[in-house]
Amino acid sequence: MRTLTMETSLPGLPEQHFPFFSDARNLSRITPSEMGFRILTPGPIAMSAGALIDYRIGLWGLPMRWRTRIATWNPPHAFSDEQIRGPYKRWFHTHTFAPDGSGGTLMTDTVQFALPLEPLSLLARPIVEWQVRRIFLFRDRALREALGLPAASHPPIIRIATI
């Protein structure tokens, strides 16, 4: 099992940023276009614990379906989603929004993931980790653009570790 953690600072309080994540349609705005991301669940989607969302994505030209369940929903502080069906053996993503003490928000994403077919997938791990890191860096830039925020003065901190 691997864990990716990304920390990014945003101006403004969590209450200002959390509503963006309350609308599942915004996921396509913060996902790289080459992934062919499309929500299949008819909208609007009521975000709450237990909500199911179906997507279609493409990884390296391979189309696949992905279903996630909102595991926890605690506006404006946190929520988590977990893969029910998709490309990973496990994917559990926690999003937290905390005041940073200076009028801003520290947004932290923590993703626990495992690849299918371990240990055979160990050969694919560096490529997958590169792709996941790239997706989250794109997400940070696209989120700032969508929220009308200035570009970050430094890139977000991203760590990947074995747990």
Foldseek 3Di string as FASTA:
>chain_A
DKKKKWKDKFAAALQLQQVCVQFVVCVVLLFDVQQVKDWPDDDDFGDAAQTKTKIWTHDPNRIDIWIKGWHHDDPSAKTKIWTPDDQFPTWIKIWGWDDPVPNITIIMIMIDTHGPPPPVCVVVVVVVVVVVVVSVQSNQVSSCVVSVHDDDPDGIDMDMDDD
